[in-house]
Amino acid sequence: MRFWLWLLAAFFPLVAQASPQLRCHFEVNAERFEHSFSPVSDPYTVTSVNLADRFRFKAVVLGDDTRVELINLYVFYQTERQPMILQHTKYMAPQAQSAPAANALTGRVALYSPFLGKELLYGCALHEVAR
């Protein structure tokens, strides 16, 4: 019996489990930021991140520890009264990669504020992270 267990272990090694994680890089007025976003099941619990008090970014990564079903990215310009949406993009069932380029999912995106013309540059990739 032990021989069969050893034989099975030799031909079917344990596979490391991996989880998807969205990693985004930002630049606002030469100030750089990086944020990571994990999958959630409830989109209403996701909060936005502040980028240099000028922009806000929200990544809703719907899925679980094994796959992502949908990614919604929102970019807002922070006005004195309230955030104003500049962009909404949607990615259906993207595949996580073990070593993607920094902008593999979105490409390099440039957005400009409606007032003062401030620039936000960002790019995101969906990583496969060992757990």
C-alpha atoms as a PDB file:
ATOM      1  CA  MET A   1       0.000   0.000   0.000  1.00  0.00           C
ATOM      2  CA  ARG A   2       2.817   2.411   0.838  1.00  0.00           C
ATOM      3  CA  PHE A   3       4.342   1.764  -2.569  1.00  0.00           C
ATOM      4  CA  TRP A   4       1.173   3.010  -4.290  1.00  0.00           C
ATOM      5  CA  LEU A   5       1.063   6.153  -2.186  1.00  0.00           C
ATOM      6  CA  TRP A   6       4.707   6.853  -2.952  1.00  0.00           C
ATOM      7  CA  LEU A   7       4.094   6.252  -6.657  1.00  0.00           C
ATOM      8  CA  LEU A   8       1.093   8.614  -6.669  1.00  0.00           C
ATOM      9  CA  ALA A   9       3.076  11.294  -4.836  1.00  0.00           C
ATOM     10  CA  ALA A  10       5.930  10.979  -7.328  1.00  0.00           C
ATOM     11  CA  PHE A  11       3.714  11.398 -10.388  1.00  0.00           C
ATOM     12  CA  PHE A  12       1.280  13.930  -8.962  1.00  0.00           C
ATOM     13  CA  PRO A  13       3.265  16.446  -6.905  1.00  0.00           C
ATOM     14  CA  LEU A  14       1.419  18.908  -4.742  1.00  0.00           C
ATOM     15  CA  VAL A  15       0.475  21.998  -6.705  1.00  0.00           C
ATOM     16  CA  ALA A  16       0.798  25.355  -4.979  1.00  0.00           C
ATOM     17  CA  GLN A  17      -2.517  27.179  -4.790  1.00  0.00           C
ATOM     18  CA  ALA A  18      -2.682  30.662  -6.323  1.00  0.00           C
ATOM     19  CA  SER A  19      -5.118  33.518  -5.822  1.00  0.00           C
ATOM     20  CA  PRO A  20      -5.842  36.394  -8.205  1.00  0.00           C
ATOM     21  CA  GLN A  21      -4.848  39.915  -7.143  1.00  0.00           C
ATOM     22  CA  LEU A  22      -5.218  43.155  -9.086  1.00  0.00           C
ATOM     23  CA  ARG A  23      -2.167  45.427  -8.788  1.00  0.00           C
ATOM     24  CA  CYS A  24      -2.354  49.007 -10.021  1.00  0.00           C
ATOM     25  CA  HIS A  25       0.350  51.668 -10.348  1.00  0.00           C
ATOM     26  CA  PHE A  26      -0.538  55.367 -10.322  1.00  0.00           C
ATOM     27  CA  GLU A  27       1.233  58.653 -10.948  1.00  0.00           C
ATOM     28  CA  VAL A  28      -0.215  62.070 -10.083  1.00  0.00           C
ATOM     29  CA  ASN A  29       2.032  65.136 -10.409  1.00  0.00           C
ATOM     30  CA  ALA A  30       5.182  62.956 -10.278  1.00  0.00           C
ATOM     31  CA  GLU A  31       3.939  61.321  -7.058  1.00  0.00           C
ATOM     32  CA  ARG A  32       3.720  57.527  -7.361  1.00  0.00           C
ATOM     33  CA  PHE A  33       1.308  55.122  -5.678  1.00  0.00           C
ATOM     34  CA  GLU A  34       0.688  51.385  -5.807  1.00  0.00           C
ATOM     35  CA  HIS A  35      -2.389  49.538  -4.557  1.00  0.00           C
ATOM     36  CA  SER A  36      -3.482  45.901  -4.602  1.00  0.00           C
ATOM     37  CA  PHE A  37      -7.068  44.711  -4.737  1.00  0.00           C
ATOM     38  CA  SER A  38      -8.326  41.224  -3.852  1.00  0.00           C
ATOM     39  CA  PRO A  39     -11.536  39.607  -5.070  1.00  0.00           C
ATOM     40  CA  VAL A  40     -14.734  40.275  -3.120  1.00  0.00           C
ATOM     41  CA  SER A  41     -18.212  38.794  -3.304  1.00  0.00           C
ATOM     42  CA  ASP A  42     -20.062  41.998  -2.347  1.00  0.00           C
ATOM     43  CA  PRO A  43     -19.281  45.040  -4.537  1.00  0.00           C
ATOM     44  CA  TYR A  44     -20.904  47.426  -2.070  1.00  0.00           C
ATOM     45  CA  THR A  45     -18.182  46.879   0.530  1.00  0.00           C
ATOM     46  CA  VAL A  46     -15.385  48.189  -1.716  1.00  0.00           C
ATOM     47  CA  THR A  47     -14.074  51.673  -0.934  1.00  0.00           C
ATOM     48  CA  SER A  48     -12.110  54.000  -3.173  1.00  0.00           C
ATOM     49  CA  VAL A  49      -8.493  55.017  -2.598  1.00  0.00           C
ATOM     50  CA  ASN A  50      -7.291  58.601  -2.432  1.00  0.00           C
ATOM     51  CA  LEU A  51      -4.650  59.631  -4.973  1.00  0.00           C
ATOM     52  CA  ALA A  52      -2.899  62.882  -3.974  1.00  0.00           C
ATOM     53  CA  ASP A  53      -6.186  64.512  -2.867  1.00  0.00           C
ATOM     54  CA  ARG A  54      -7.013  65.081  -6.547  1.00  0.00           C
ATOM     55  CA  PHE A  55      -8.353  61.754  -7.779  1.00  0.00           C
ATOM     56  CA  ARG A  56     -10.042  58.687  -6.320  1.00  0.00           C
ATOM     57  CA  PHE A  57      -9.764  55.163  -7.726  1.00  0.00           C
ATOM     58  CA  LYS A  58     -12.077  52.244  -7.031  1.00  0.00           C
ATOM     59  CA  ALA A  59     -11.439  48.688  -8.214  1.00  0.00           C
ATOM     60  CA  VAL A  60     -14.293  46.235  -7.747  1.00  0.00           C
ATOM     61  CA  VAL A  61     -12.833  42.766  -8.322  1.00  0.00           C
ATOM     62  CA  LEU A  62     -15.715  40.281  -8.169  1.00  0.00           C
ATOM     63  CA  GLY A  63     -14.774  36.671  -7.644  1.00  0.00           C
ATOM     64  CA  ASP A  64     -13.188  34.360  -5.103  1.00  0.00           C
ATOM     65  CA  ASP A  65      -9.786  32.889  -4.193  1.00  0.00           C
ATOM     66  CA  THR A  66      -9.603  30.897  -7.419  1.00  0.00           C
ATOM     67  CA  ARG A  67     -10.933  33.144 -10.197  1.00  0.00           C
ATOM     68  CA  VAL A  68     -12.203  36.596 -11.113  1.00  0.00           C
ATOM     69  CA  GLU A  69     -15.576  36.945 -12.797  1.00  0.00           C
ATOM     70  CA  LEU A  70     -15.617  40.709 -13.368  1.00  0.00           C
ATOM     71  CA  ILE A  71     -13.495  43.791 -12.731  1.00  0.00           C
ATOM     72  CA  ASN A  72     -15.012  47.283 -12.676  1.00  0.00           C
ATOM     73  CA  LEU A  73     -12.590  50.217 -12.452  1.00  0.00           C
ATOM     74  CA  TYR A  74     -13.807  53.701 -11.545  1.00  0.00           C
ATOM     75  CA  VAL A  75     -11.789  56.925 -11.604  1.00  0.00           C
ATOM     76  CA  PHE A  76     -13.145  60.058  -9.951  1.00  0.00           C
ATOM     77  CA  TYR A  77     -11.907  63.633  -9.817  1.00  0.00           C
ATOM     78  CA  GLN A  78     -12.168  64.983  -6.259  1.00  0.00           C
ATOM     79  CA  THR A  79     -14.069  68.298  -6.348  1.00  0.00           C
ATOM     80  CA  GLU A  80     -14.672  70.420  -3.256  1.00  0.00           C
ATOM     81  CA  ARG A  81     -18.236  69.150  -2.944  1.00  0.00           C
ATOM     82  CA  GLN A  82     -18.059  65.523  -4.076  1.00  0.00           C
ATOM     83  CA  PRO A  83     -16.221  63.096  -6.348  1.00  0.00           C
ATOM     84  CA  MET A  84     -17.029  63.436 -10.067  1.00  0.00           C
ATOM     85  CA  ILE A  85     -16.723  60.305 -12.205  1.00  0.00           C
ATOM     86  CA  LEU A  86     -14.242  60.533 -15.086  1.00  0.00           C
ATOM     87  CA  GLN A  87     -14.030  56.918 -16.227  1.00  0.00           C
ATOM     88  CA  HIS A  88     -15.655  53.525 -15.776  1.00  0.00           C
ATOM     89  CA  THR A  89     -14.149  50.441 -17.437  1.00  0.00           C
ATOM     90  CA  LYS A  90     -15.258  46.814 -17.264  1.00  0.00           C
ATOM     91  CA  TYR A  91     -13.289  43.598 -17.803  1.00  0.00           C
ATOM     92  CA  MET A  92     -15.238  40.336 -18.096  1.00  0.00           C
ATOM     93  CA  ALA A  93     -13.575  37.165 -16.691  1.00  0.00           C
ATOM     94  CA  PRO A  94      -9.944  38.269 -17.098  1.00  0.00           C
ATOM     95  CA  GLN A  95      -7.269  35.625 -16.586  1.00  0.00           C
ATOM     96  CA  ALA A  96      -4.653  36.098 -13.864  1.00  0.00           C
ATOM     97  CA  GLN A  97      -1.037  35.694 -14.958  1.00  0.00           C
ATOM     98  CA  SER A  98       1.959  34.563 -12.936  1.00  0.00           C
ATOM     99  CA  ALA A  99       4.293  37.350 -14.145  1.00  0.00           C
ATOM    100  CA  PRO A 100       2.326  39.956 -16.132  1.00  0.00           C
ATOM    101  CA  ALA A 101       3.646  43.294 -17.354  1.00  0.00           C
ATOM    102  CA  ALA A 102       2.663  46.174 -15.061  1.00  0.00           C
ATOM    103  CA  ASN A 103      -0.070  47.378 -17.449  1.00  0.00           C
ATOM    104  CA  ALA A 104      -1.130  44.000 -18.871  1.00  0.00           C
ATOM    105  CA  LEU A 105      -4.857  44.382 -18.135  1.00  0.00           C
ATOM    106  CA  THR A 106      -5.529  48.072 -18.787  1.00  0.00           C
ATOM    107  CA  GLY A 107      -2.618  49.350 -20.812  1.00  0.00           C
ATOM    108  CA  ARG A 108      -1.203  52.744 -19.796  1.00  0.00           C
ATOM    109  CA  VAL A 109      -4.144  55.100 -19.141  1.00  0.00           C
ATOM    110  CA  ALA A 110      -3.930  58.909 -18.951  1.00  0.00           C
ATOM    111  CA  LEU A 111      -6.838  60.939 -17.560  1.00  0.00           C
ATOM    112  CA  TYR A 112      -7.108  64.676 -16.999  1.00  0.00           C
ATOM    113  CA  SER A 113      -9.129  66.608 -14.446  1.00  0.00           C
ATOM    114  CA  PRO A 114     -11.812  68.916 -15.841  1.00  0.00           C
ATOM    115  CA  PHE A 115     -10.376  71.802 -13.816  1.00  0.00           C
ATOM    116  CA  LEU A 116      -6.693  72.771 -13.879  1.00  0.00           C
ATOM    117  CA  GLY A 117      -5.895  69.871 -16.240  1.00  0.00           C
ATOM    118  CA  LYS A 118      -4.183  67.680 -13.612  1.00  0.00           C
ATOM    119  CA  GLU A 119      -2.984  64.360 -15.011  1.00  0.00           C
ATOM    120  CA  LEU A 120      -3.467  60.854 -13.623  1.00  0.00           C
ATOM    121  CA  LEU A 121      -1.495  58.017 -15.218  1.00  0.00           C
ATOM    122  CA  TYR A 122      -2.305  54.451 -14.244  1.00  0.00           C
ATOM    123  CA  GLY A 123      -2.004  50.847 -15.306  1.00  0.00           C
ATOM    124  CA  CYS A 124      -3.180  47.557 -13.786  1.00  0.00           C
ATOM    125  CA  ALA A 125      -2.403  43.862 -14.128  1.00  0.00           C
ATOM    126  CA  LEU A 126      -4.130  40.787 -12.727  1.00  0.00           C
ATOM    127  CA  HIS A 127      -1.517  38.701 -10.913  1.00  0.00           C
ATOM    128  CA  GLU A 128      -1.625  35.081  -9.836  1.00  0.00           C
ATOM    129  CA  VAL A 129      -0.242  35.161  -6.277  1.00  0.00           C
ATOM    130  CA  ALA A 130       0.803  32.063  -4.339  1.00  0.00           C
ATOM    131  CA  ARG A 131      -1.159  31.578  -1.139  1.00  0.00           C
END
